[in-house]
N, C-alpha and C. Protein backbone atom coordinates (compact mmCIF):
# COMPACT_ATOMS: atom_id res chain seq x y z
N MET A 1 0.71 -1.33 0.23
CA MET A 1 0.44 -0.13 0.00
C MET A 1 0.68 0.81 -0.03
N GLY A 2 0.20 2.17 -0.89
CA GLY A 2 1.47 3.45 -1.09
C GLY A 2 1.02 4.39 0.17
N SER A 3 1.77 5.45 0.81
CA SER A 3 1.47 5.85 1.45
C SER A 3 0.96 7.61 0.34
N THR A 4 0.01 8.18 1.85
CA THR A 4 -0.96 9.76 0.46
C THR A 4 0.37 10.60 1.91
N LYS A 5 0.35 11.41 0.53
CA LYS A 5 1.31 12.79 1.78
C LYS A 5 0.11 13.63 1.96
N GLN A 6 0.62 14.15 3.12
CA GLN A 6 -0.36 15.11 3.59
C GLN A 6 0.20 16.55 4.19
N ALA A 7 -0.24 17.59 3.53
CA ALA A 7 0.29 18.88 3.68
C ALA A 7 0.45 18.87 5.22
N PRO A 8 1.75 19.68 5.29
CA PRO A 8 1.75 20.00 7.46
C PRO A 8 0.97 20.62 7.62
N GLN A 9 0.29 21.07 8.41
CA GLN A 9 -1.40 21.72 9.84
C GLN A 9 -0.22 23.37 9.85
N SER A 10 -1.73 24.23 9.47
CA SER A 10 -0.80 25.67 9.48
C SER A 10 -1.00 25.69 10.32
N ASP A 11 -0.14 26.85 11.43
CA ASP A 11 -0.35 27.56 12.62
C ASP A 11 -0.79 28.00 13.12
N PHE A 12 -2.37 27.64 13.50
CA PHE A 12 -3.20 28.44 13.35
C PHE A 12 -3.56 29.56 14.52
N THR A 13 -2.06 29.47 16.17
CA THR A 13 -1.51 30.66 16.44
C THR A 13 -1.52 32.04 16.00
N LEU A 14 -1.57 32.10 14.64
CA LEU A 14 -0.71 32.93 13.87
C LEU A 14 -2.18 33.72 13.79
N LEU A 15 -3.18 33.63 13.95
CA LEU A 15 -4.59 33.53 13.36
C LEU A 15 -5.30 34.45 14.72
N GLU A 16 -4.94 33.72 15.59
CA GLU A 16 -5.87 34.15 16.79
C GLU A 16 -6.10 35.57 16.93
N ASN A 17 -5.25 36.63 16.96
CA ASN A 17 -5.71 38.07 17.31
C ASN A 17 -6.37 38.17 15.97
N VAL A 18 -6.42 37.92 14.74
CA VAL A 18 -7.80 37.94 13.82
C VAL A 18 -9.04 37.62 14.53
N LEU A 19 -9.03 36.38 14.56
CA LEU A 19 -9.93 35.61 15.17
C LEU A 19 -10.87 36.22 16.39
N SER A 20 -10.29 36.81 17.43
CA SER A 20 -10.36 37.61 18.10
C SER A 20 -11.06 39.15 17.89
N GLU A 21 -9.99 39.39 16.82
CA GLU A 21 -10.46 41.30 16.94
C GLU A 21 -11.77 40.86 16.34
N TYR A 22 -12.41 39.91 15.32
CA TYR A 22 -13.68 40.15 14.89
C TYR A 22 -15.18 39.28 15.59
N ALA A 23 -14.50 38.64 16.50
CA ALA A 23 -15.63 37.86 17.22
C ALA A 23 -16.89 38.00 17.66
N GLY A 24 -17.66 37.30 16.90
CA GLY A 24 -19.10 37.93 17.48
C GLY A 24 -19.31 39.14 16.20
N ILE A 25 -18.78 39.79 15.40
CA ILE A 25 -19.08 41.07 14.61
C ILE A 25 -19.92 39.99 12.67
N PRO A 26 -20.85 40.06 12.67
CA PRO A 26 -21.56 39.57 11.18
C PRO A 26 -20.85 40.17 10.31
N GLY A 27 -20.86 39.16 9.27
CA GLY A 27 -20.16 40.16 7.94
C GLY A 27 -19.13 40.27 7.96
N SER A 28 -18.20 39.22 8.67
CA SER A 28 -16.82 39.83 8.62
C SER A 28 -16.11 38.75 8.16
N LEU A 29 -16.66 37.77 7.75
CA LEU A 29 -15.98 36.42 6.40
C LEU A 29 -14.80 37.47 5.46
N ILE A 30 -14.91 38.23 4.71
CA ILE A 30 -13.81 38.53 4.15
C ILE A 30 -13.23 39.16 4.75
N ALA A 31 -13.06 39.85 5.56
CA ALA A 31 -12.00 40.65 6.30
C ALA A 31 -11.27 39.51 7.20
N ILE A 32 -11.80 38.36 7.23
CA ILE A 32 -11.24 37.31 8.16
C ILE A 32 -10.29 37.03 6.78
N LEU A 33 -10.67 36.66 6.05
CA LEU A 33 -9.85 35.81 5.10
C LEU A 33 -8.82 36.71 3.93
N GLN A 34 -8.98 38.13 4.26
CA GLN A 34 -7.74 39.09 3.90
C GLN A 34 -7.09 39.05 4.64
N LYS A 35 -7.19 39.25 6.23
CA LYS A 35 -6.07 39.49 6.56
C LYS A 35 -5.26 37.76 6.87
N ALA A 36 -6.30 36.51 6.93
CA ALA A 36 -5.66 35.22 6.62
C ALA A 36 -4.60 34.83 5.69
N GLN A 37 -5.05 35.43 4.48
CA GLN A 37 -4.32 35.53 2.98
C GLN A 37 -2.75 36.50 3.31
N ASP A 38 -3.40 37.20 3.93
CA ASP A 38 -2.15 37.99 4.70
C ASP A 38 -0.79 37.73 5.60
N ILE A 39 -1.39 37.06 6.09
CA ILE A 39 -0.39 35.89 7.57
C ILE A 39 0.33 34.83 6.46
N TYR A 40 -1.25 34.20 5.74
CA TYR A 40 -0.63 33.02 4.95
C TYR A 40 0.27 33.10 3.83
N GLY A 41 0.03 34.03 2.87
CA GLY A 41 0.14 34.07 1.21
C GLY A 41 -1.01 33.67 0.97
N TYR A 42 -1.66 32.68 1.38
CA TYR A 42 -2.85 32.10 0.39
C TYR A 42 -3.74 31.31 1.57
N LEU A 43 -4.65 30.93 1.46
CA LEU A 43 -5.79 30.28 1.94
C LEU A 43 -5.34 29.07 2.45
N PRO A 44 -4.58 28.32 2.63
CA PRO A 44 -4.83 26.82 3.24
C PRO A 44 -6.43 26.46 3.77
N ARG A 45 -6.74 25.23 2.74
CA ARG A 45 -7.45 24.47 3.32
C ARG A 45 -7.62 24.44 4.34
N ASP A 46 -6.97 24.00 5.34
CA ASP A 46 -7.02 23.89 7.42
C ASP A 46 -7.25 24.92 7.60
N VAL A 47 -7.11 26.34 7.18
CA VAL A 47 -6.85 27.57 7.84
C VAL A 47 -8.75 27.89 7.38
N MET A 48 -8.87 27.23 6.24
CA MET A 48 -10.17 27.81 6.10
C MET A 48 -11.36 26.96 6.99
N HIS A 49 -11.39 26.04 7.09
CA HIS A 49 -11.75 24.99 8.07
C HIS A 49 -12.15 25.34 9.40
N HIS A 50 -10.34 25.89 9.59
CA HIS A 50 -10.74 26.49 11.06
C HIS A 50 -11.55 27.95 11.55
N ILE A 51 -11.72 29.13 10.40
CA ILE A 51 -11.84 29.73 10.56
C ILE A 51 -13.68 29.79 11.19
N ALA A 52 -13.96 28.38 9.68
CA ALA A 52 -15.33 28.48 9.70
C ALA A 52 -15.97 27.45 11.26
N GLY A 53 -14.95 27.38 11.65
CA GLY A 53 -15.31 26.41 12.91
C GLY A 53 -15.14 27.59 14.20
N ARG A 54 -14.38 28.18 13.91
CA ARG A 54 -14.58 29.32 15.20
C ARG A 54 -15.43 30.49 14.70
N ILE A 55 -15.62 30.78 13.72
CA ILE A 55 -17.00 31.83 13.36
C ILE A 55 -18.51 30.86 13.50
N GLY A 56 -18.31 29.89 13.36
CA GLY A 56 -19.54 29.34 13.43
C GLY A 56 -20.31 29.28 12.21
N VAL A 57 -19.75 28.80 11.33
CA VAL A 57 -20.33 28.35 9.63
C VAL A 57 -19.74 27.30 9.30
N PRO A 58 -20.85 26.63 8.38
CA PRO A 58 -20.34 25.62 7.52
C PRO A 58 -18.52 26.00 7.51
N PRO A 59 -17.85 24.83 6.70
CA PRO A 59 -16.46 24.80 5.79
C PRO A 59 -17.14 25.58 4.81
N ALA A 60 -17.91 25.03 4.12
CA ALA A 60 -18.54 25.00 2.65
C ALA A 60 -18.74 26.40 2.52
N GLU A 61 -19.53 27.40 3.37
CA GLU A 61 -19.05 28.63 3.60
C GLU A 61 -18.64 29.75 2.59
N VAL A 62 -17.26 29.22 4.18
CA VAL A 62 -16.22 30.01 3.97
C VAL A 62 -15.64 28.97 2.72
N VAL A 63 -15.06 28.32 2.30
CA VAL A 63 -14.52 28.01 0.78
C VAL A 63 -15.13 28.57 0.07
N GLY A 64 -16.47 28.74 -0.34
CA GLY A 64 -17.22 29.34 -1.33
C GLY A 64 -17.39 30.47 -1.08
N VAL A 65 -17.00 31.39 -0.49
CA VAL A 65 -16.50 32.64 -0.30
C VAL A 65 -14.89 33.04 -0.93
N ALA A 66 -14.14 32.95 -0.56
CA ALA A 66 -12.84 32.36 -0.57
C ALA A 66 -12.32 32.20 -2.72
N THR A 67 -13.35 31.37 -3.03
CA THR A 67 -13.62 30.58 -4.65
C THR A 67 -14.15 31.62 -5.26
N PHE A 68 -14.84 32.60 -4.09
CA PHE A 68 -16.44 33.12 -5.73
C PHE A 68 -14.97 34.23 -5.72
N TYR A 69 -14.62 35.15 -4.74
CA TYR A 69 -13.37 36.33 -4.90
C TYR A 69 -12.27 36.13 -5.91
N SER A 70 -11.78 37.11 -6.62
CA SER A 70 -10.72 36.38 -7.58
C SER A 70 -9.65 37.20 -6.48
N GLN A 71 -10.07 37.76 -5.86
CA GLN A 71 -8.43 38.41 -4.86
C GLN A 71 -8.31 37.42 -4.01
N PHE A 72 -8.74 35.94 -3.61
CA PHE A 72 -8.22 35.23 -2.86
C PHE A 72 -7.29 34.19 -3.71
N ARG A 73 -6.56 33.92 -2.91
CA ARG A 73 -5.78 32.15 -3.12
C ARG A 73 -5.44 31.51 -2.78
N LEU A 74 -5.75 30.27 -3.40
CA LEU A 74 -6.22 29.06 -2.91
C LEU A 74 -5.00 28.02 -2.73
N THR A 75 -3.22 28.80 -3.17
CA THR A 75 -2.42 27.73 -3.59
C THR A 75 -1.40 28.91 -3.07
N PRO A 76 -0.14 28.38 -2.64
CA PRO A 76 0.65 29.23 -2.36
C PRO A 76 1.32 30.07 -3.67
N ILE A 77 1.64 31.28 -3.48
CA ILE A 77 2.57 32.26 -4.82
C ILE A 77 4.30 31.88 -4.10
N GLY A 78 4.72 32.78 -6.03
CA GLY A 78 6.12 32.39 -6.05
C GLY A 78 6.54 33.57 -4.55
N LYS A 79 7.86 33.55 -4.53
CA LYS A 79 8.56 34.31 -3.78
C LYS A 79 8.73 35.82 -4.44
N TYR A 80 8.03 35.99 -5.87
CA TYR A 80 7.88 37.26 -6.47
C TYR A 80 6.48 37.28 -7.17
N LEU A 81 5.55 37.91 -6.85
CA LEU A 81 4.31 37.95 -7.85
C LEU A 81 4.95 38.96 -8.78
N ILE A 82 4.79 38.43 -10.31
CA ILE A 82 4.49 39.25 -11.12
C ILE A 82 3.01 39.65 -11.57
N MET A 83 2.94 41.04 -11.51
CA MET A 83 1.39 41.30 -12.14
C MET A 83 1.55 41.96 -13.24
N SER A 84 0.30 41.32 -14.06
CA SER A 84 0.86 41.86 -15.75
C SER A 84 -0.32 42.49 -15.54
N CYS A 85 -0.60 44.20 -15.91
CA CYS A 85 -1.71 45.02 -16.53
C CYS A 85 -2.16 44.48 -17.98
N GLN A 86 -3.53 44.39 -17.78
CA GLN A 86 -4.02 44.06 -18.85
C GLN A 86 -4.74 45.88 -18.78
N GLY A 87 -4.98 46.42 -18.50
CA GLY A 87 -6.10 47.60 -18.19
C GLY A 87 -5.46 48.35 -19.84
N THR A 88 -6.57 49.44 -20.24
CA THR A 88 -6.65 49.44 -21.50
C THR A 88 -5.43 50.48 -22.02
N ALA A 89 -4.59 51.08 -21.50
CA ALA A 89 -3.07 51.77 -21.56
C ALA A 89 -2.36 50.34 -22.12
N CYS A 90 -2.32 49.68 -21.04
CA CYS A 90 -1.28 48.38 -21.67
C CYS A 90 -1.47 47.88 -22.64
N HIS A 91 -2.82 47.19 -22.82
CA HIS A 91 -3.80 46.56 -24.06
C HIS A 91 -3.08 47.35 -24.94
N VAL A 92 -3.43 48.79 -25.32
CA VAL A 92 -2.91 49.54 -26.57
C VAL A 92 -1.68 49.49 -27.26
N ASN A 93 -0.91 49.07 -25.78
CA ASN A 93 0.90 49.51 -25.67
C ASN A 93 1.26 48.03 -25.83
N ALA A 94 0.47 46.84 -26.66
CA ALA A 94 1.05 45.52 -26.69
C ALA A 94 1.50 44.73 -25.33
N SER A 95 0.43 45.17 -23.96
CA SER A 95 0.73 44.03 -23.05
C SER A 95 0.63 42.79 -22.87
N GLU A 96 0.06 42.26 -24.22
CA GLU A 96 -0.26 40.79 -23.94
C GLU A 96 0.93 40.28 -24.64
N ARG A 97 1.89 40.96 -25.37
CA ARG A 97 3.10 40.30 -26.19
C ARG A 97 3.94 40.45 -24.95
N VAL A 98 4.38 41.36 -24.18
CA VAL A 98 4.76 41.37 -22.47
C VAL A 98 4.27 40.21 -22.16
N SER A 99 3.70 40.03 -22.05
CA SER A 99 2.90 39.04 -20.44
C SER A 99 3.15 37.84 -21.63
N ALA A 100 2.62 37.39 -22.97
CA ALA A 100 3.24 36.39 -22.97
C ALA A 100 4.35 35.48 -23.24
N ALA A 101 5.26 37.18 -23.33
CA ALA A 101 7.17 36.79 -23.46
C ALA A 101 7.25 36.59 -22.42
N VAL A 102 6.73 36.76 -21.05
CA VAL A 102 7.04 36.62 -19.57
C VAL A 102 6.33 34.78 -18.89
N ALA A 103 5.45 34.87 -19.65
CA ALA A 103 5.06 33.35 -19.29
C ALA A 103 5.52 32.07 -20.00
N SER A 104 6.39 32.68 -21.48
CA SER A 104 7.05 31.63 -22.46
C SER A 104 7.87 31.51 -21.65
N TYR A 105 9.11 32.96 -20.97
CA TYR A 105 10.64 32.78 -20.57
C TYR A 105 10.22 31.95 -19.15
N LEU A 106 9.20 32.19 -18.49
CA LEU A 106 8.84 31.43 -17.47
C LEU A 106 8.39 29.78 -17.28
N ASN A 107 7.93 29.82 -18.07
CA ASN A 107 7.20 28.74 -18.92
C ASN A 107 6.09 28.08 -17.61
N ILE A 108 5.20 29.23 -17.55
CA ILE A 108 4.35 29.12 -16.92
C ILE A 108 3.17 29.89 -17.40
N LYS A 109 1.62 29.74 -16.78
CA LYS A 109 0.60 30.29 -17.26
C LYS A 109 0.15 31.55 -16.62
N HIS A 110 -1.19 32.29 -17.13
CA HIS A 110 -1.53 32.95 -15.68
C HIS A 110 -2.24 31.98 -14.57
N GLY A 111 -1.83 32.89 -13.50
CA GLY A 111 -2.30 32.21 -12.30
C GLY A 111 -1.56 30.81 -11.91
N GLU A 112 -0.35 30.45 -12.51
CA GLU A 112 0.50 29.75 -12.11
C GLU A 112 2.13 29.98 -11.52
N THR A 113 2.48 29.76 -10.97
CA THR A 113 4.10 29.86 -10.01
C THR A 113 4.79 28.13 -10.68
N THR A 114 6.38 29.11 -10.88
CA THR A 114 7.58 28.37 -11.53
C THR A 114 6.96 27.44 -10.36
N GLU A 115 7.97 26.25 -10.91
CA GLU A 115 8.35 24.82 -10.52
C GLU A 115 9.52 25.06 -9.40
N ASP A 116 10.38 26.24 -9.23
CA ASP A 116 11.35 26.76 -8.26
C ASP A 116 10.50 27.42 -7.36
N GLY A 117 9.42 27.93 -7.36
CA GLY A 117 8.41 28.67 -6.72
C GLY A 117 8.96 30.07 -6.38
N LEU A 118 10.14 30.32 -7.48
CA LEU A 118 10.42 32.05 -7.50
C LEU A 118 8.87 33.00 -8.35
N PHE A 119 9.08 32.32 -8.75
CA PHE A 119 7.45 33.56 -9.67
C PHE A 119 5.97 33.00 -9.99
N THR A 120 5.43 33.70 -9.93
CA THR A 120 4.08 33.52 -9.92
C THR A 120 3.53 35.06 -10.84
N LEU A 121 2.43 34.00 -11.73
CA LEU A 121 2.25 35.23 -12.99
C LEU A 121 0.80 35.94 -12.45
N GLU A 122 0.39 36.57 -12.46
CA GLU A 122 -1.36 36.93 -12.54
C GLU A 122 -1.54 38.07 -13.10
N HIS A 123 -2.48 37.99 -14.49
CA HIS A 123 -3.26 39.36 -14.67
C HIS A 123 -4.09 40.11 -13.58
N VAL A 124 -3.87 41.44 -14.32
CA VAL A 124 -4.70 42.24 -13.27
C VAL A 124 -4.80 43.03 -14.32
N ALA A 125 -6.25 43.90 -13.82
CA ALA A 125 -7.30 44.42 -14.57
C ALA A 125 -6.72 45.99 -14.75
N CYS A 126 -6.05 46.42 -14.00
CA CYS A 126 -5.11 47.64 -14.29
C CYS A 126 -4.18 48.08 -12.49
N LEU A 127 -3.35 48.95 -13.10
CA LEU A 127 -2.14 48.93 -12.12
C LEU A 127 -2.29 50.45 -11.35
N GLY A 128 -2.88 51.15 -12.28
CA GLY A 128 -2.95 52.53 -12.18
C GLY A 128 -1.67 53.50 -12.37
N CYS A 129 -0.68 53.05 -13.66
CA CYS A 129 0.49 52.97 -13.60
C CYS A 129 0.14 53.05 -15.77
N CYS A 130 -0.55 53.99 -15.90
CA CYS A 130 -0.95 53.84 -17.48
C CYS A 130 -0.07 55.09 -17.83
N SER A 131 0.73 55.93 -17.64
CA SER A 131 1.14 56.49 -18.33
C SER A 131 3.09 55.44 -18.91
N LEU A 132 3.16 54.96 -17.87
CA LEU A 132 4.30 53.49 -18.31
C LEU A 132 3.39 52.29 -19.03
N ALA A 133 2.59 52.69 -19.76
CA ALA A 133 2.28 51.26 -20.45
C ALA A 133 3.29 50.67 -21.58
N PRO A 134 3.43 49.26 -21.48
CA PRO A 134 2.93 48.67 -20.76
C PRO A 134 3.64 47.81 -19.92
N VAL A 135 3.09 47.74 -18.64
CA VAL A 135 3.56 47.70 -17.22
C VAL A 135 3.72 46.42 -16.37
N ILE A 136 4.60 45.76 -15.82
CA ILE A 136 4.33 44.74 -15.10
C ILE A 136 4.64 45.57 -13.43
N MET A 137 4.03 45.00 -12.34
CA MET A 137 4.88 44.83 -10.90
C MET A 137 5.12 43.69 -10.35
N ILE A 138 6.34 43.98 -9.80
CA ILE A 138 6.54 42.40 -9.17
C ILE A 138 7.28 43.07 -7.79
N ASN A 139 6.68 42.66 -7.00
CA ASN A 139 6.57 42.65 -5.40
C ASN A 139 6.60 44.24 -5.31
N GLY A 140 5.82 44.96 -5.80
CA GLY A 140 5.23 45.86 -5.52
C GLY A 140 6.18 47.19 -6.29
N GLU A 141 7.18 46.64 -6.88
CA GLU A 141 7.97 47.96 -7.92
C GLU A 141 7.76 47.51 -8.81
N ALA A 142 7.20 49.08 -10.04
CA ALA A 142 6.64 48.66 -11.06
C ALA A 142 7.84 48.94 -12.20
N TYR A 143 7.75 48.15 -13.37
CA TYR A 143 8.71 48.45 -14.46
C TYR A 143 7.19 48.91 -15.98
N GLY A 144 8.33 49.82 -16.25
CA GLY A 144 7.11 50.27 -17.30
C GLY A 144 7.65 50.27 -18.67
N ASN A 145 7.23 50.92 -19.87
CA ASN A 145 7.27 51.22 -20.93
C ASN A 145 8.21 50.26 -21.03
N LEU A 146 7.94 49.24 -21.39
CA LEU A 146 8.48 47.56 -22.11
C LEU A 146 8.13 47.13 -22.67
N THR A 147 9.40 46.16 -23.42
CA THR A 147 8.96 45.42 -24.77
C THR A 147 9.40 43.71 -24.00
N PRO A 148 9.01 42.96 -25.08
CA PRO A 148 9.09 41.66 -24.72
C PRO A 148 10.61 41.67 -23.86
N GLU A 149 11.54 42.22 -24.32
CA GLU A 149 13.16 41.87 -23.91
C GLU A 149 13.43 42.44 -23.13
N SER A 150 12.50 43.63 -22.46
CA SER A 150 13.09 44.23 -21.56
C SER A 150 12.83 43.60 -20.13
N ALA A 151 11.22 42.91 -20.60
CA ALA A 151 10.61 42.49 -19.31
C ALA A 151 11.20 40.87 -18.83
N ILE A 152 11.51 40.57 -19.73
CA ILE A 152 12.42 39.29 -19.69
C ILE A 152 13.80 39.71 -18.65
N ALA A 153 14.52 40.68 -19.61
CA ALA A 153 15.75 41.51 -18.77
C ALA A 153 15.78 41.47 -17.16
N VAL A 154 14.43 42.08 -17.01
CA VAL A 154 13.87 41.58 -15.60
C VAL A 154 14.17 40.71 -15.02
N LEU A 155 13.44 40.30 -14.74
CA LEU A 155 13.68 38.75 -15.00
C LEU A 155 14.59 37.86 -14.87
N LYS A 156 16.02 38.16 -15.30
CA LYS A 156 17.05 37.45 -15.57
C LYS A 156 17.75 38.60 -14.18
N ASP A 157 17.14 39.49 -14.44
CA ASP A 157 18.28 40.26 -13.76
C ASP A 157 18.32 39.89 -11.79
N ILE A 158 16.49 39.35 -11.41
CA ILE A 158 15.86 38.85 -10.35
C ILE A 158 16.28 37.76 -10.28
N GLN A 159 16.59 36.56 -11.11
CA GLN A 159 17.37 35.75 -10.72
C GLN A 159 18.75 35.33 -10.65
N ALA A 160 19.67 36.05 -11.63
CA ALA A 160 20.77 36.50 -10.70
C ALA A 160 20.98 36.82 -9.89
N LYS A 161 20.35 37.54 -8.79
CA LYS A 161 20.39 37.85 -7.63
C LYS A 161 19.98 37.31 -6.44
N GLU A 162 19.06 36.27 -7.42
CA GLU A 162 18.32 34.87 -6.12
C GLU A 162 20.17 34.51 -6.61
N ALA A 163 20.44 33.90 -7.36
CA ALA A 163 21.97 33.23 -7.42
C ALA A 163 22.62 33.24 -6.71
N ALA A 164 22.81 34.90 -6.57
CA ALA A 164 23.88 35.41 -6.31
C ALA A 164 23.65 34.89 -4.47
N LYS A 165 22.54 34.74 -4.07
CA LYS A 165 22.68 34.72 -2.45
C LYS A 165 23.04 33.82 -2.08
């Protein structure tokens, strides 16, 4: 008989302050999930079940909210979150070419993380940097006026810095 690999249990003590802050406050599930995602980087299934038990709702309700809203992630993200703007200004300035080059270079699609856990690629509606179109943001730092080549150069620079650590 083969063994099944189970994910390690999350440290629920990290969530205690959040659960205490919102204890007994109706309609606080989204706020709790947002803060839980800030703590863990995503929403592990065991964390969602723990939240459900603590606030007295069925786990299906918590999972339903987490899967309905696109702001929530159910899988871990890479060390570097690449947000590729798909807004109008970026679109008319060929953001799809930049995003395709990034995806091809990293061998991932929108919403995926590289095998080494370094990069996650997400398409976003707008980054609010229209004058820099096309733009990507990596961990809060904007890179604008990109070409497919310059976007890949940014990634190569990050990879070189990581390799030097």
